[in-house]
């Protein structure tokens, strides 16, 4: 157990990093923030701000020396830096969990491998993959970049094979995933914390509404039918156990018009 008075680290100094820092300081911990922005929101409040890039080895060594444990504020960090830190200090989440979250195809394959339902999906690496992908997902579908998409960016809704071809071209012909466009009744998130001993505790389930791909409102607790809340929590715990996840994890899910709960994505970081 890491008690107040010890030093915690967070990689990334944005709004979530700031909220983490505020709470950690309130509880009596010191906080080290690594962020290249001298005016980062979290760095302004931290006990110590290491102003350096995320792949600066000297900065990573400094952080490892100062901290008992380190977490991350966002997923799109260099995996090499996380692996470097993981060899030197307690780091949560693990580099492997972050790697899965960085790539939508890895993510969906991970869910499927552990028996967790998703919308139908298929890889799209070249134009030659289009017919096979659409055969799996049907139409309409959504073409998404496998990496670096967020808040509705890096994706296109498609109603024909030609739409898919054009979307792939517009997205730069980078590695993509094609997903079935399902009819949603709601989108929910289970946020849980899991210890090294495998004990998980979940927060009340949140129901999210997006506008133009960006989160607009969150209602807690979510408006789920009887038994669905327990099912959603069980699915999130199943995934966390399968990943041997340590720390705070958000598991985002869709509820379709048949009342099936489908896993969409994970966010392996404090919330």
Protein backbone atom coordinates (compact mmCIF):
# COMPACT_ATOMS: atom_id res chain seq x y z
CA UNK A 1 0.00 0.00 0.00
CA UNK A 2 1.25 3.47 -0.89
CA UNK A 3 0.29 5.83 1.90
CA UNK A 4 -0.09 9.63 1.91
CA UNK A 5 3.29 11.32 2.11
CA UNK A 6 4.61 9.26 -0.78
CA UNK A 7 5.01 10.62 -4.32
CA UNK A 8 2.80 9.67 -7.25
CA UNK A 9 3.50 10.44 -10.88
CA UNK A 10 1.27 11.16 -13.85
CA UNK A 11 2.40 11.27 -17.46
CA UNK A 12 0.44 14.01 -19.18
CA UNK A 13 -0.48 17.36 -17.73
CA UNK A 14 -3.90 18.13 -19.21
CA UNK A 15 -7.32 18.39 -17.57
CA UNK A 16 -7.49 14.79 -16.34
CA UNK A 17 -3.93 15.07 -15.05
CA UNK A 18 -4.94 18.22 -13.20
CA UNK A 19 -7.94 16.50 -11.60
CA UNK A 20 -5.71 13.59 -10.58
CA UNK A 21 -3.20 16.04 -9.11
CA UNK A 22 -5.84 17.96 -7.16
CA UNK A 23 -7.20 14.81 -5.54
CA UNK A 24 -3.78 13.32 -4.82
CA UNK A 25 -2.59 16.53 -3.16
CA UNK A 26 -5.82 16.72 -1.15
CA UNK A 27 -5.18 13.19 0.13
CA UNK A 28 -1.66 14.10 1.22
CA UNK A 29 0.46 12.78 -1.64
CA UNK A 30 3.12 14.67 -3.55
CA UNK A 31 2.67 14.60 -7.33
CA UNK A 32 5.20 14.66 -10.16
CA UNK A 33 3.88 15.54 -13.62
CA UNK A 34 5.73 14.84 -16.87
CA UNK A 35 4.52 17.09 -19.68
CA UNK A 36 6.39 19.05 -22.38
CA UNK A 37 4.16 22.12 -21.92
CA UNK A 38 5.61 24.52 -19.35
CA UNK A 39 2.07 25.82 -18.71
CA UNK A 40 0.27 22.48 -18.57
CA UNK A 41 -2.80 22.51 -16.28
CA UNK A 42 -1.52 19.70 -14.07
CA UNK A 43 2.06 20.94 -14.07
CA UNK A 44 0.92 24.25 -12.61
CA UNK A 45 -0.33 22.48 -9.47
CA UNK A 46 2.13 19.60 -9.19
CA UNK A 47 4.70 19.27 -6.44
CA UNK A 48 7.23 18.96 -9.25
CA UNK A 49 6.80 19.41 -13.00
CA UNK A 50 9.26 17.68 -15.30
CA UNK A 51 9.00 19.73 -18.47
CA UNK A 52 10.25 17.34 -21.14
CA UNK A 53 9.02 15.20 -24.00
CA UNK A 54 7.49 11.82 -23.26
CA UNK A 55 10.41 9.97 -24.82
CA UNK A 56 13.15 11.86 -22.95
CA UNK A 57 15.10 9.10 -21.19
CA UNK A 58 16.67 11.44 -18.64
CA UNK A 59 13.21 12.76 -17.74
CA UNK A 60 11.84 9.23 -17.42
CA UNK A 61 14.74 8.29 -15.14
CA UNK A 62 14.10 11.40 -13.02
CA UNK A 63 10.43 10.51 -12.72
CA UNK A 64 11.16 6.90 -11.79
CA UNK A 65 13.55 8.05 -9.05
CA UNK A 66 11.04 10.47 -7.56
CA UNK A 67 7.86 8.34 -7.65
CA UNK A 68 6.57 5.25 -5.87
CA UNK A 69 3.97 4.70 -8.59
CA UNK A 70 3.10 6.28 -11.93
CA UNK A 71 -0.04 6.41 -14.06
CA UNK A 72 -0.99 8.05 -17.35
CA UNK A 73 -3.42 10.77 -18.36
CA UNK A 74 -4.03 9.67 -21.96
CA UNK A 75 -3.42 6.59 -24.06
CA UNK A 76 -1.44 7.88 -27.04
CA UNK A 77 1.96 7.82 -25.38
CA UNK A 78 5.10 6.15 -26.75
CA UNK A 79 4.95 2.48 -25.77
CA UNK A 80 8.74 2.44 -25.57
CA UNK A 81 8.58 5.05 -22.79
CA UNK A 82 5.98 3.09 -20.85
CA UNK A 83 7.97 -0.12 -21.18
CA UNK A 84 11.08 1.74 -20.02
CA UNK A 85 9.28 2.99 -16.92
CA UNK A 86 7.62 -0.36 -16.24
CA UNK A 87 11.07 -1.91 -15.80
CA UNK A 88 11.99 0.70 -13.17
CA UNK A 89 8.92 1.68 -11.16
CA UNK A 90 5.34 0.61 -10.44
CA UNK A 91 3.35 1.64 -13.52
CA UNK A 92 -0.39 1.29 -13.97
CA UNK A 93 -1.87 0.56 -16.44
CA UNK A 94 0.58 -1.85 -18.02
CA UNK A 95 2.14 -1.08 -21.41
CA UNK A 96 0.25 -4.03 -22.90
CA UNK A 97 -3.13 -2.63 -21.84
CA UNK A 98 -2.22 0.75 -23.29
CA UNK A 99 -1.07 -0.88 -26.52
CA UNK A 100 -4.47 -2.57 -26.87
CA UNK A 101 -6.28 0.73 -26.28
CA UNK A 102 -4.14 2.50 -28.89
CA UNK A 103 -5.37 0.30 -31.74
CA UNK A 104 -9.06 -0.29 -32.42
CA UNK A 105 -8.40 -3.56 -34.22
CA UNK A 106 -6.28 -4.95 -31.40
CA UNK A 107 -8.97 -3.79 -29.01
CA UNK A 108 -11.86 -5.48 -30.81
CA UNK A 109 -9.84 -8.67 -31.30
CA UNK A 110 -9.03 -8.66 -27.59
CA UNK A 111 -12.72 -8.40 -26.70
CA UNK A 112 -13.62 -11.23 -29.07
CA UNK A 113 -10.81 -13.48 -27.83
CA UNK A 114 -12.23 -13.19 -24.32
CA UNK A 115 -15.80 -13.95 -25.34
CA UNK A 116 -17.10 -10.38 -25.15
CA UNK A 117 -19.62 -9.30 -27.77
CA UNK A 118 -18.96 -6.36 -30.09
CA UNK A 119 -20.46 -4.91 -33.23
CA UNK A 120 -19.31 -6.89 -36.26
CA UNK A 121 -15.90 -5.68 -37.47
CA UNK A 122 -13.19 -6.42 -40.02
CA UNK A 123 -9.74 -5.03 -40.85
CA UNK A 124 -9.17 -2.67 -43.76
CA UNK A 125 -5.52 -2.46 -44.77
CA UNK A 126 -5.83 -2.01 -48.55
CA UNK A 127 -8.55 -1.39 -51.13
CA UNK A 128 -8.52 -5.14 -51.77
CA UNK A 129 -9.97 -5.72 -48.26
CA UNK A 130 -13.17 -3.74 -48.89
CA UNK A 131 -15.42 -6.51 -50.22
CA UNK A 132 -14.48 -8.95 -47.47
CA UNK A 133 -14.92 -6.28 -44.79
CA UNK A 134 -18.37 -5.22 -46.00
CA UNK A 135 -19.40 -8.88 -46.21
CA UNK A 136 -18.72 -9.13 -42.47
CA UNK A 137 -20.21 -5.83 -41.30
CA UNK A 138 -22.97 -5.23 -43.81
CA UNK A 139 -24.17 -1.74 -44.72
CA UNK A 140 -24.33 0.87 -43.38
CA UNK A 141 -20.96 0.62 -41.69
CA UNK A 142 -18.34 2.90 -40.17
CA UNK A 143 -14.75 3.13 -41.36
CA UNK A 144 -12.38 4.18 -38.59
CA UNK A 145 -8.63 4.63 -38.47
CA UNK A 146 -7.13 1.89 -36.31
CA UNK A 147 -5.09 4.46 -34.40
CA UNK A 148 -5.27 8.07 -33.22
CA UNK A 149 -9.00 8.62 -33.65
CA UNK A 150 -11.00 10.35 -30.91
CA UNK A 151 -14.06 12.57 -30.45
CA UNK A 152 -15.47 11.41 -33.77
CA UNK A 153 -12.27 12.16 -35.67
CA UNK A 154 -10.78 9.60 -38.05
CA UNK A 155 -14.07 7.94 -38.99
CA UNK A 156 -16.69 7.99 -41.74
CA UNK A 157 -20.20 6.54 -41.96
CA UNK A 158 -20.64 4.60 -45.20
CA UNK A 159 -23.78 3.41 -47.02
CA UNK A 160 -22.20 1.70 -50.03
CA UNK A 161 -19.03 -0.03 -51.15
CA UNK A 162 -18.07 3.15 -52.99
CA UNK A 163 -18.48 5.12 -49.76
CA UNK A 164 -16.07 2.73 -48.05
CA UNK A 165 -13.50 3.12 -50.83
CA UNK A 166 -13.79 6.91 -50.67
CA UNK A 167 -13.60 6.96 -46.88
CA UNK A 168 -10.45 4.83 -46.94
CA UNK A 169 -8.93 7.25 -49.43
CA UNK A 170 -9.97 10.30 -47.38
CA UNK A 171 -8.44 8.77 -44.25
CA UNK A 172 -5.08 8.48 -45.99
CA UNK A 173 -5.24 4.71 -46.64
CA UNK A 174 -3.78 4.07 -43.21
CA UNK A 175 -4.72 0.89 -41.36
CA UNK A 176 -8.44 1.02 -40.60
CA UNK A 177 -11.23 -1.02 -39.08
CA UNK A 178 -14.70 -1.35 -40.57
CA UNK A 179 -17.49 -1.68 -38.01
CA UNK A 180 -21.17 -2.49 -38.33
CA UNK A 181 -23.32 0.58 -37.73
CA UNK A 182 -25.73 -0.58 -35.09
CA UNK A 183 -28.96 1.01 -33.90
CA UNK A 184 -28.19 2.39 -30.44
CA UNK A 185 -30.61 2.83 -27.60
CA UNK A 186 -27.90 4.16 -25.31
CA UNK A 187 -24.16 4.30 -24.70
CA UNK A 188 -22.87 3.54 -21.21
CA UNK A 189 -19.56 3.43 -19.39
CA UNK A 190 -18.50 1.23 -16.51
CA UNK A 191 -15.63 2.76 -14.58
CA UNK A 192 -13.93 0.39 -12.17
CA UNK A 193 -10.83 0.23 -10.03
CA UNK A 194 -8.99 -3.09 -9.77
CA UNK A 195 -6.27 -3.92 -7.26
CA UNK A 196 -3.16 -6.06 -7.69
CA UNK A 197 -4.95 -8.80 -5.75
CA UNK A 198 -7.72 -8.84 -8.36
CA UNK A 199 -10.43 -7.09 -6.34
CA UNK A 200 -12.59 -4.76 -8.46
CA UNK A 201 -14.98 -2.02 -7.37
CA UNK A 202 -17.21 -0.25 -9.90
CA UNK A 203 -18.63 3.25 -9.79
CA UNK A 204 -22.31 3.77 -10.68
CA UNK A 205 -22.77 3.21 -14.42
CA UNK A 206 -22.79 6.35 -16.54
CA UNK A 207 -24.96 7.00 -19.61
CA UNK A 208 -23.33 9.19 -22.23
CA UNK A 209 -24.76 11.36 -24.99
CA UNK A 210 -22.55 12.65 -27.80
CA UNK A 211 -22.99 15.56 -30.17
CA UNK A 212 -20.91 15.49 -33.37
CA UNK A 213 -18.77 12.73 -31.91
CA UNK A 214 -17.93 14.67 -28.74
CA UNK A 215 -19.26 13.83 -25.27
CA UNK A 216 -22.05 16.29 -24.46
CA UNK A 217 -23.76 14.99 -21.31
CA UNK A 218 -23.31 12.17 -18.81
CA UNK A 219 -26.14 10.95 -16.58
CA UNK A 220 -25.49 8.82 -13.50
CA UNK A 221 -26.92 6.31 -12.91
CA UNK A 222 -27.61 5.12 -16.44
CA UNK A 223 -31.18 4.33 -17.47
CA UNK A 224 -30.76 0.58 -17.88
CA UNK A 225 -33.40 -2.12 -17.72
CA UNK A 226 -33.55 -4.58 -14.86
CA UNK A 227 -30.48 -6.79 -14.84
CA UNK A 228 -28.60 -4.79 -17.46
CA UNK A 229 -26.54 -2.84 -14.91
CA UNK A 230 -25.36 -6.09 -13.33
CA UNK A 231 -24.59 -7.50 -16.78
CA UNK A 232 -22.58 -4.42 -17.76
CA UNK A 233 -20.56 -4.57 -14.54
CA UNK A 234 -19.96 -8.29 -15.02
CA UNK A 235 -18.67 -7.72 -18.57
CA UNK A 236 -16.31 -4.96 -17.40
CA UNK A 237 -15.01 -7.16 -14.59
CA UNK A 238 -14.55 -10.07 -16.99
CA UNK A 239 -12.40 -7.91 -19.23
CA UNK A 240 -10.39 -6.42 -16.37
CA UNK A 241 -9.68 -9.92 -15.03
CA UNK A 242 -8.70 -11.19 -18.50
CA UNK A 243 -6.22 -8.33 -18.88
CA UNK A 244 -5.04 -8.65 -15.26
CA UNK A 245 -5.70 -4.91 -15.23
CA UNK A 246 -4.42 -2.79 -12.35
CA UNK A 247 -5.76 0.71 -11.76
CA UNK A 248 -8.77 2.65 -13.00
CA UNK A 249 -10.41 1.49 -16.23
CA UNK A 250 -13.39 2.74 -18.22
CA UNK A 251 -15.16 0.18 -20.39
CA UNK A 252 -17.45 1.83 -22.92
CA UNK A 253 -20.43 -0.14 -24.18
CA UNK A 254 -23.33 0.14 -26.61
CA UNK A 255 -26.85 -1.08 -25.91
CA UNK A 256 -28.54 -1.90 -29.23
CA UNK A 257 -32.22 -2.06 -30.14
CA UNK A 258 -32.31 -5.76 -29.14
CA UNK A 259 -31.03 -4.77 -25.68
CA UNK A 260 -27.72 -6.54 -26.30
CA UNK A 261 -24.71 -5.01 -24.56
CA UNK A 262 -21.75 -4.68 -26.93
CA UNK A 263 -18.27 -3.59 -25.92
CA UNK A 264 -16.97 -0.59 -27.84
CA UNK A 265 -13.66 0.51 -26.37
CA UNK A 266 -11.59 0.93 -23.23
CA UNK A 267 -9.93 3.93 -21.64
CA UNK A 268 -7.09 2.66 -19.39
CA UNK A 269 -6.43 5.69 -17.17
CA UNK A 270 -7.84 7.71 -14.27
CA UNK A 271 -11.18 9.42 -14.86
